[in-house]
Protein backbone atom coordinates (compact mmCIF):
# COMPACT_ATOMS: atom_id res chain seq x y z
CA MET A 1 0.00 0.00 0.00
CA SER A 2 1.42 3.37 -1.04
CA VAL A 3 1.66 5.96 1.73
CA THR A 4 1.11 9.61 0.84
CA GLN A 5 2.21 12.84 2.44
CA GLN A 6 -1.45 13.80 2.84
CA GLN A 7 -2.08 10.70 4.97
CA VAL A 8 0.81 11.69 7.21
CA LEU A 9 -0.52 15.23 7.59
CA GLU A 10 -4.00 13.96 8.44
CA LYS A 11 -2.56 11.81 11.22
CA LEU A 12 -0.41 14.64 12.53
CA ALA A 13 -3.46 16.92 12.68
CA GLY A 14 -4.67 14.74 15.53
CA VAL A 15 -1.52 15.39 17.58
CA THR A 16 -1.45 18.60 19.61
CA SER A 17 1.40 20.80 20.78
CA PRO A 18 2.00 21.54 24.50
CA ARG A 19 -0.25 24.59 23.98
CA GLY A 20 -3.06 22.51 22.51
CA VAL A 21 -2.52 23.53 18.85
CA ALA A 22 -2.72 20.85 16.14
CA LEU A 23 0.78 19.89 15.06
CA THR A 24 -0.02 20.80 11.46
CA ASN A 25 -0.91 24.34 12.54
CA ALA A 26 1.95 24.89 14.98
CA ASN A 27 4.49 25.97 12.35
CA VAL A 28 7.07 23.46 13.60
CA LEU A 29 7.15 20.76 10.92
CA SER A 30 10.00 20.37 8.46
CA PRO A 31 9.25 19.15 4.92
CA ILE A 32 7.94 15.58 5.15
CA THR A 33 9.68 12.91 3.10
CA VAL A 34 7.65 9.83 2.21
CA SER A 35 9.32 7.11 0.17
CA ASP A 36 8.35 3.45 -0.22
CA GLY A 37 6.63 3.26 3.16
CA LYS A 38 9.34 5.23 5.00
CA VAL A 39 8.51 8.60 6.58
CA PHE A 40 11.13 11.15 7.69
CA PHE A 41 10.68 14.65 9.13
CA SER A 42 11.63 16.77 12.12
CA ILE A 43 9.79 18.95 14.61
CA ASN A 44 11.64 22.25 15.04
CA VAL A 45 11.07 24.08 18.34
CA ASP A 46 12.81 26.59 20.59
CA ALA A 47 15.48 25.08 22.81
CA ALA A 48 13.79 26.40 25.96
CA GLU A 49 10.68 24.30 25.19
CA ALA A 50 12.39 21.11 24.04
CA ARG A 51 11.57 19.06 27.13
CA ALA A 52 7.85 19.77 26.82
CA TRP A 53 7.89 18.73 23.16
CA GLU A 54 9.53 15.33 23.59
CA SER A 55 6.21 13.62 24.41
CA VAL A 56 4.67 15.30 21.34
CA ARG A 57 7.43 13.88 19.16
CA ALA A 58 6.72 10.39 20.54
CA GLN A 59 2.99 10.78 19.92
CA ALA A 60 3.64 11.94 16.35
CA GLU A 61 5.91 8.97 15.71
CA ASN A 62 3.32 6.53 17.03
CA ALA A 63 0.59 8.17 14.94
CA VAL A 64 2.63 7.92 11.74
CA ARG A 65 3.62 4.32 12.42
CA ALA A 66 -0.08 3.44 12.72
CA ILE A 67 -0.69 4.40 9.08
CA PRO A 68 -1.18 1.22 6.99
CA GLY A 69 1.84 0.74 4.75
CA VAL A 70 4.32 2.67 6.91
CA THR A 71 7.36 0.49 7.59
CA VAL A 72 9.71 3.06 9.11
CA ALA A 73 9.04 6.39 10.81
CA MET A 74 12.00 8.54 11.84
CA ILE A 75 10.94 11.77 13.55
CA ALA A 76 13.47 14.00 15.25
CA LEU A 77 13.03 16.87 17.66
CA THR A 78 15.23 19.80 16.63
CA ALA A 79 15.71 22.37 19.37
CA GLU A 80 17.27 25.72 18.43
CA ARG A 81 17.92 28.88 20.41
CA LYS A 82 15.95 31.84 19.08
CA PRO A 83 17.98 34.59 17.38
CA GLY A 84 19.11 37.19 19.91
CA THR A 85 18.75 34.83 22.85
CA ALA A 86 21.92 34.89 24.89
CA SER A 87 23.47 31.87 26.51
CA PRO A 88 23.44 31.85 30.32
CA PRO A 89 26.33 34.02 31.63
CA PRO A 90 29.32 32.22 33.08
CA HIS A 91 29.38 31.90 36.85
CA ARG A 92 31.47 34.60 38.54
CA HIS A 93 33.08 34.35 41.93
CA ALA A 94 33.12 37.06 44.60
CA GLY A 95 36.44 38.57 43.51
CA GLY A 96 35.19 39.23 39.98
CA GLY A 97 35.99 37.39 36.77
CA VAL A 98 35.06 33.85 35.83
CA ALA A 99 35.34 31.24 38.56
CA PRO A 100 38.10 28.67 38.06
CA ALA A 101 37.11 25.37 36.46
CA SER A 102 37.70 23.54 39.74
CA THR A 103 34.79 25.42 41.30
CA HIS A 104 32.29 24.60 38.54
CA ARG A 105 29.58 22.14 39.53
CA PRO A 106 26.79 20.62 37.45
CA PRO A 107 23.30 21.95 38.22
CA GLN A 108 21.62 20.25 41.16
CA GLY A 109 19.55 17.37 39.85
CA GLY A 110 21.34 17.48 36.50
CA VAL A 111 21.39 14.23 34.58
CA SER A 112 24.52 13.00 32.86
CA PRO A 113 24.02 12.22 29.15
CA MET A 114 25.66 8.84 29.84
CA SER A 115 22.80 7.95 32.19
CA ARG A 116 20.72 7.15 29.10
CA GLN A 117 22.98 4.21 28.28
CA ALA A 118 21.22 0.86 28.14
CA GLU A 119 22.38 -2.51 26.88
CA ILE A 120 20.75 -3.85 23.73
CA PRO A 121 19.04 -7.12 24.73
CA GLY A 122 20.78 -10.14 23.24
CA ILE A 123 24.01 -8.33 22.27
CA ALA A 124 27.08 -9.02 24.38
CA ALA A 125 29.35 -6.31 22.98
CA VAL A 126 28.87 -3.26 20.76
CA ILE A 127 32.07 -1.89 19.22
CA ALA A 128 32.58 1.14 16.98
CA VAL A 129 34.83 1.28 13.94
CA ALA A 130 35.70 4.94 13.45
CA SER A 131 38.02 7.34 11.68
CA GLY A 132 38.81 10.99 12.11
CA LYS A 133 38.34 11.63 8.38
CA GLY A 134 36.78 10.02 5.34
CA GLY A 135 38.52 8.13 2.58
CA VAL A 136 40.64 5.85 4.76
CA GLY A 137 38.75 2.61 4.01
CA LYS A 138 36.79 2.49 7.26
CA SER A 139 33.68 0.76 5.90
CA THR A 140 35.66 -1.86 3.99
CA THR A 141 37.65 -2.56 7.14
CA ALA A 142 34.52 -2.72 9.32
CA LEU A 143 32.87 -5.28 7.03
CA ASN A 144 35.93 -7.48 6.66
CA LEU A 145 36.64 -7.24 10.38
CA ALA A 146 33.08 -8.43 11.06
CA LEU A 147 33.69 -11.36 8.70
CA GLY A 148 36.99 -12.08 10.43
CA LEU A 149 35.18 -12.24 13.78
CA ARG A 150 32.60 -14.54 12.17
CA ASP A 151 35.38 -16.87 11.05
CA LEU A 152 36.55 -17.04 14.66
CA GLY A 153 33.21 -18.57 15.61
CA LEU A 154 31.42 -15.49 16.91
CA ARG A 155 27.85 -14.43 16.14
CA VAL A 156 28.28 -11.04 14.52
CA GLY A 157 26.11 -8.15 13.36
CA LEU A 158 27.06 -5.09 11.32
CA LEU A 159 25.34 -1.72 11.64
CA ASP A 160 26.14 0.89 9.00
CA ALA A 161 25.66 4.13 10.96
CA ASP A 162 27.22 6.37 8.30
CA ILE A 163 24.00 8.29 7.65
CA TYR A 164 25.35 10.66 5.01
CA GLY A 165 27.38 8.12 3.05
CA PRO A 166 26.24 4.54 3.74
CA SER A 167 28.63 2.14 2.00
CA VAL A 168 27.51 -1.25 3.29
CA PRO A 169 24.75 -1.81 0.68
CA ARG A 170 27.34 -1.50 -2.09
CA LEU A 171 30.02 -3.47 -0.20
CA THR A 172 27.64 -6.36 0.47
CA GLY A 173 25.62 -6.25 -2.75
CA ILE A 174 22.39 -6.05 -0.73
CA ARG A 175 19.50 -4.44 -2.61
CA GLU A 176 16.52 -5.72 -0.64
CA LYS A 177 14.58 -3.84 2.01
CA PRO A 178 14.29 -5.05 5.62
CA ALA A 179 10.98 -6.61 6.64
CA LEU A 180 9.14 -6.00 9.92
CA ASN A 181 8.41 -8.59 12.58
CA ASP A 182 5.20 -8.80 14.62
CA ASP A 183 6.55 -6.15 17.02
CA ARG A 184 7.12 -3.82 14.05
CA LYS A 185 10.86 -4.02 14.49
CA MET A 186 13.06 -4.19 11.40
CA ILE A 187 14.61 -7.57 10.69
CA PRO A 188 18.28 -7.21 9.69
CA ILE A 189 19.34 -8.62 6.35
CA SER A 190 21.28 -11.88 6.65
CA ARG A 191 24.28 -12.09 4.34
CA PHE A 192 27.68 -13.81 4.64
CA GLY A 193 26.61 -15.17 8.03
CA LEU A 194 26.19 -11.63 9.38
CA SER A 195 23.08 -9.73 10.54
CA ILE A 196 23.31 -6.43 8.64
CA MET A 197 21.41 -3.13 8.88
CA SER A 198 22.08 0.15 7.08
CA ILE A 199 20.25 3.41 6.52
CA GLY A 200 21.13 2.68 2.89
CA PHE A 201 18.57 -0.14 2.92
CA LEU A 202 15.84 2.42 3.62
CA VAL A 203 16.67 5.12 1.06
CA GLU A 204 17.76 5.03 -2.55
CA GLU A 205 21.49 5.13 -3.24
CA ASP A 206 21.42 8.54 -4.93
CA THR A 207 19.21 10.18 -2.29
CA ALA A 208 20.88 13.16 -0.60
CA MET A 209 20.53 12.86 3.18
CA ILE A 210 20.15 16.54 4.07
CA TRP A 211 19.54 15.98 7.76
CA ARG A 212 20.35 18.07 10.80
CA GLY A 213 22.07 16.54 13.79
CA PRO A 214 18.88 15.52 15.64
CA MET A 215 17.63 13.56 12.61
CA VAL A 216 20.96 11.73 12.47
CA MET A 217 20.74 10.97 16.18
CA SER A 218 17.15 9.74 15.85
CA ALA A 219 18.04 7.46 12.93
CA ILE A 220 20.99 5.89 14.75
CA THR A 221 18.93 5.35 17.88
CA GLN A 222 16.20 3.62 15.88
CA MET A 223 18.66 1.37 14.07
CA LEU A 224 20.07 0.34 17.44
CA ARG A 225 16.78 -0.09 19.30
CA ASP A 226 14.13 -0.82 16.66
CA VAL A 227 15.97 -3.67 14.94
CA ALA A 228 15.44 -7.32 15.90
CA TRP A 229 19.13 -8.12 16.23
CA GLY A 230 18.59 -11.43 17.98
CA THR A 231 21.50 -12.94 19.92
CA LEU A 232 24.93 -11.62 18.96
CA ASP A 233 28.37 -11.83 20.49
CA VAL A 234 29.49 -8.63 18.76
CA LEU A 235 27.72 -5.82 16.92
CA VAL A 236 30.23 -3.93 14.77
CA VAL A 237 29.10 -0.34 14.12
CA ASP A 238 30.56 1.40 11.06
CA MET A 239 30.59 5.03 12.18
CA PRO A 240 30.57 8.13 9.97
CA PRO A 241 33.93 9.90 9.88
CA GLY A 242 34.61 12.68 12.36
CA THR A 243 33.72 13.37 15.98
CA GLY A 244 30.15 14.67 15.88
CA ASP A 245 26.55 13.87 16.72
CA ALA A 246 26.63 10.26 15.51
CA GLN A 247 29.57 9.31 17.70
CA LEU A 248 28.13 11.03 20.77
CA THR A 249 24.69 9.48 20.19
CA LEU A 250 26.19 6.01 20.11
CA ALA A 251 28.32 6.60 23.20
CA GLN A 252 25.38 8.07 25.13
CA ASN A 253 22.88 5.37 24.17
CA VAL A 254 24.92 2.18 24.42
CA PRO A 255 27.73 1.21 26.81
CA LEU A 256 30.30 0.65 24.07
CA LYS A 257 32.79 -2.09 24.86
CA GLY A 258 35.40 -0.48 22.64
CA ALA A 259 36.34 1.55 19.58
CA ILE A 260 38.73 0.80 16.73
CA ILE A 261 40.39 3.71 14.91
CA ILE A 262 41.17 3.33 11.19
CA SER A 263 43.94 5.48 9.71
CA THR A 264 46.32 5.57 6.79
CA PRO A 265 50.05 6.08 7.46
CA GLN A 266 50.14 9.72 6.31
CA ASP A 267 50.35 12.56 8.80
CA LEU A 268 47.05 14.21 7.81
CA SER A 269 45.13 11.04 8.54
CA LEU A 270 46.98 10.47 11.80
CA ILE A 271 46.12 13.96 13.05
CA ASP A 272 42.43 13.20 12.60
CA ALA A 273 42.86 9.72 14.08
CA ARG A 274 44.22 11.35 17.24
CA ARG A 275 41.07 13.47 17.48
CA GLY A 276 38.87 10.41 17.14
CA LEU A 277 40.83 8.55 19.78
CA ALA A 278 40.68 11.53 22.14
CA MET A 279 36.91 11.78 21.71
CA PHE A 280 36.30 8.16 22.67
CA ARG A 281 38.57 8.49 25.68
CA LYS A 282 36.68 11.61 26.74
CA VAL A 283 33.39 9.69 26.83
CA ASN A 284 35.07 6.75 28.61
CA VAL A 285 34.98 4.30 25.69
CA PRO A 286 37.95 1.89 25.69
CA VAL A 287 40.09 2.14 22.56
CA LEU A 288 40.72 -1.40 21.35
CA GLY A 289 43.43 -0.23 18.99
CA ILE A 290 44.49 1.40 15.72
CA VAL A 291 44.54 -0.21 12.27
CA GLU A 292 46.82 1.12 9.54
CA ASN A 293 44.90 0.76 6.28
CA MET A 294 46.47 1.25 2.81
CA SER A 295 49.71 0.58 4.64
CA TYR A 296 51.75 -0.25 1.54
CA PHE A 297 51.37 -1.29 -2.08
CA GLN A 298 52.96 -4.43 -3.47
CA CYS A 299 53.08 -4.68 -7.25
CA PRO A 300 51.22 -7.83 -8.37
CA HIS A 301 53.59 -8.19 -11.35
CA CYS A 302 57.10 -7.61 -10.00
CA GLY A 303 56.49 -7.83 -6.26
CA THR A 304 58.09 -4.44 -5.57
CA ARG A 305 56.73 -2.81 -2.43
CA SER A 306 55.92 0.91 -2.44
CA ASP A 307 54.96 2.92 0.65
CA ILE A 308 52.63 5.28 -1.20
CA PHE A 309 51.30 7.03 1.90
CA GLY A 310 54.39 6.41 4.01
CA HIS A 311 54.49 3.44 6.35
CA GLY A 312 54.35 2.70 10.06
CA GLY A 313 52.78 5.99 11.11
CA ALA A 314 49.78 4.34 12.76
CA ARG A 315 52.00 1.85 14.62
CA HIS A 316 54.16 4.66 15.98
CA GLU A 317 51.07 6.67 16.91
CA ALA A 318 49.61 3.68 18.77
CA GLU A 319 52.85 3.25 20.71
CA ARG A 320 52.98 6.96 21.51
CA LEU A 321 49.38 7.02 22.76
CA GLY A 322 49.63 3.73 24.62
CA VAL A 323 46.94 1.81 22.71
CA PRO A 324 47.25 -1.54 20.90
CA PHE A 325 48.34 -1.62 17.27
CA LEU A 326 46.00 -4.12 15.64
CA GLY A 327 47.66 -4.55 12.26
CA GLU A 328 48.36 -3.17 8.81
CA ILE A 329 46.29 -3.77 5.68
CA PRO A 330 47.86 -3.28 2.25
CA LEU A 331 46.52 -1.20 -0.62
CA HIS A 332 45.66 -4.03 -2.99
CA MET A 333 43.53 -4.49 -6.08
CA ALA A 334 41.83 -7.62 -4.70
CA ILE A 335 40.43 -5.75 -1.70
CA ARG A 336 39.14 -2.95 -3.93
CA THR A 337 37.57 -5.14 -6.61
CA THR A 338 35.85 -7.51 -4.21
CA SER A 339 34.48 -4.57 -2.25
CA ASP A 340 33.12 -2.87 -5.38
CA SER A 341 31.45 -6.10 -6.51
CA GLY A 342 29.73 -6.74 -3.18
CA ASN A 343 31.85 -9.82 -2.41
CA PRO A 344 34.17 -8.84 0.46
CA VAL A 345 37.61 -10.38 0.30
CA VAL A 346 37.37 -12.34 3.57
CA ASP A 347 34.36 -14.19 2.18
CA SER A 348 35.29 -14.43 -1.51
CA GLU A 349 38.98 -15.32 -0.96
CA PRO A 350 38.96 -16.96 2.49
CA ASP A 351 42.30 -18.70 2.00
CA GLY A 352 44.08 -15.60 0.66
CA PRO A 353 46.60 -13.42 2.48
CA HIS A 354 44.22 -10.50 2.96
CA ALA A 355 41.56 -12.61 4.68
CA ALA A 356 44.30 -13.82 7.03
CA ILE A 357 45.18 -10.22 7.92
CA TYR A 358 41.59 -9.33 8.78
CA ARG A 359 41.19 -12.51 10.84
CA ALA A 360 44.38 -11.71 12.75
CA ILE A 361 43.02 -8.25 13.57
CA GLY A 362 39.72 -9.87 14.56
CA ALA A 363 41.55 -12.24 16.90
CA LYS A 364 43.17 -9.33 18.73
CA VAL A 365 39.76 -7.65 19.09
CA ARG A 366 38.14 -10.90 20.25
CA ASP A 367 40.81 -11.42 22.88
CA GLN A 368 40.12 -7.98 24.36
CA LEU A 369 36.39 -8.71 24.44
CA ARG A 370 36.68 -12.29 25.67
CA GLY A 371 35.53 -11.53 29.22
CA VAL A 372 32.48 -9.57 28.02
CA ILE A 373 31.44 -12.22 25.50
CA ALA A 374 31.95 -15.09 27.94
CA ALA A 375 29.81 -13.36 30.55
CA ALA A 376 26.87 -12.84 28.19
């Protein structure tokens, strides 16, 4: 059954704002996107009223999900400060000037963002694969790492949380859409022995995801909580590059058991890798280690090795920062071609040298998670 924008608006007309105004008349709705049973929009309110609007957002989401034919509803609450509204002034001590940081205290009754963390039922360990910048082969590494963990006998899932540039549909060759179970949770796609979910399964490949931070946060939360993951030893999360809303959303929603930083050997990549590592440490997420991707190139014809981006930078950085160095992955045609064709190298060439590298990295990750997995 085809869902229309008009149906969505009719449902939203029955939801009222905190002041009793119909949502459709409250001048808070962003443009509504309806595509193949999936509905996306945001509710934009003043930051001072955000708490009062959260229940309205939940009511709107429930109303839209009740429309026959709707498979996914992602509705975010965007809270912005009105122009000209000043931030609260910094606290000043009796002698004048700003009080030293040591005297700052959180507001009485304040709630830490980390207090929202909750385990995902059935999943022993959630780990993030991240990078400080794009173009370092993070998604390819995340997928092949997941397959390496699978080969070690673990039950593994893969969540593609790169909202703006989801790569997993192309890397896995998956074109189908996830179905819903009786609880209206999305059922992950099963491929290569993995349970896989991606925002790319819900939107067309050439669709521009022009979403503000709250929409990104809402989408990631839904893909964590509204997916029937089943029983998994490890859920590998392919993060978007950078240190923004997506990373903080994941850290605040789920007690991550660790993060893996992907970098190339060159200095520019390592600078950004440092930022990513610092961010995870700041939110108390253990760093499982650093992987040096595109570490070197070995000519398939003459065997000559070339360090195109330099070599060993990630290893030295890991030693300097006191985190494990998990391994180096070469820049090789086989990894690129199998990724482009949707047949990842660990699965399509299981006895090859590259599959062995990914499995070795997976073994180091498994060993660090052994206590968590055994306790589940």
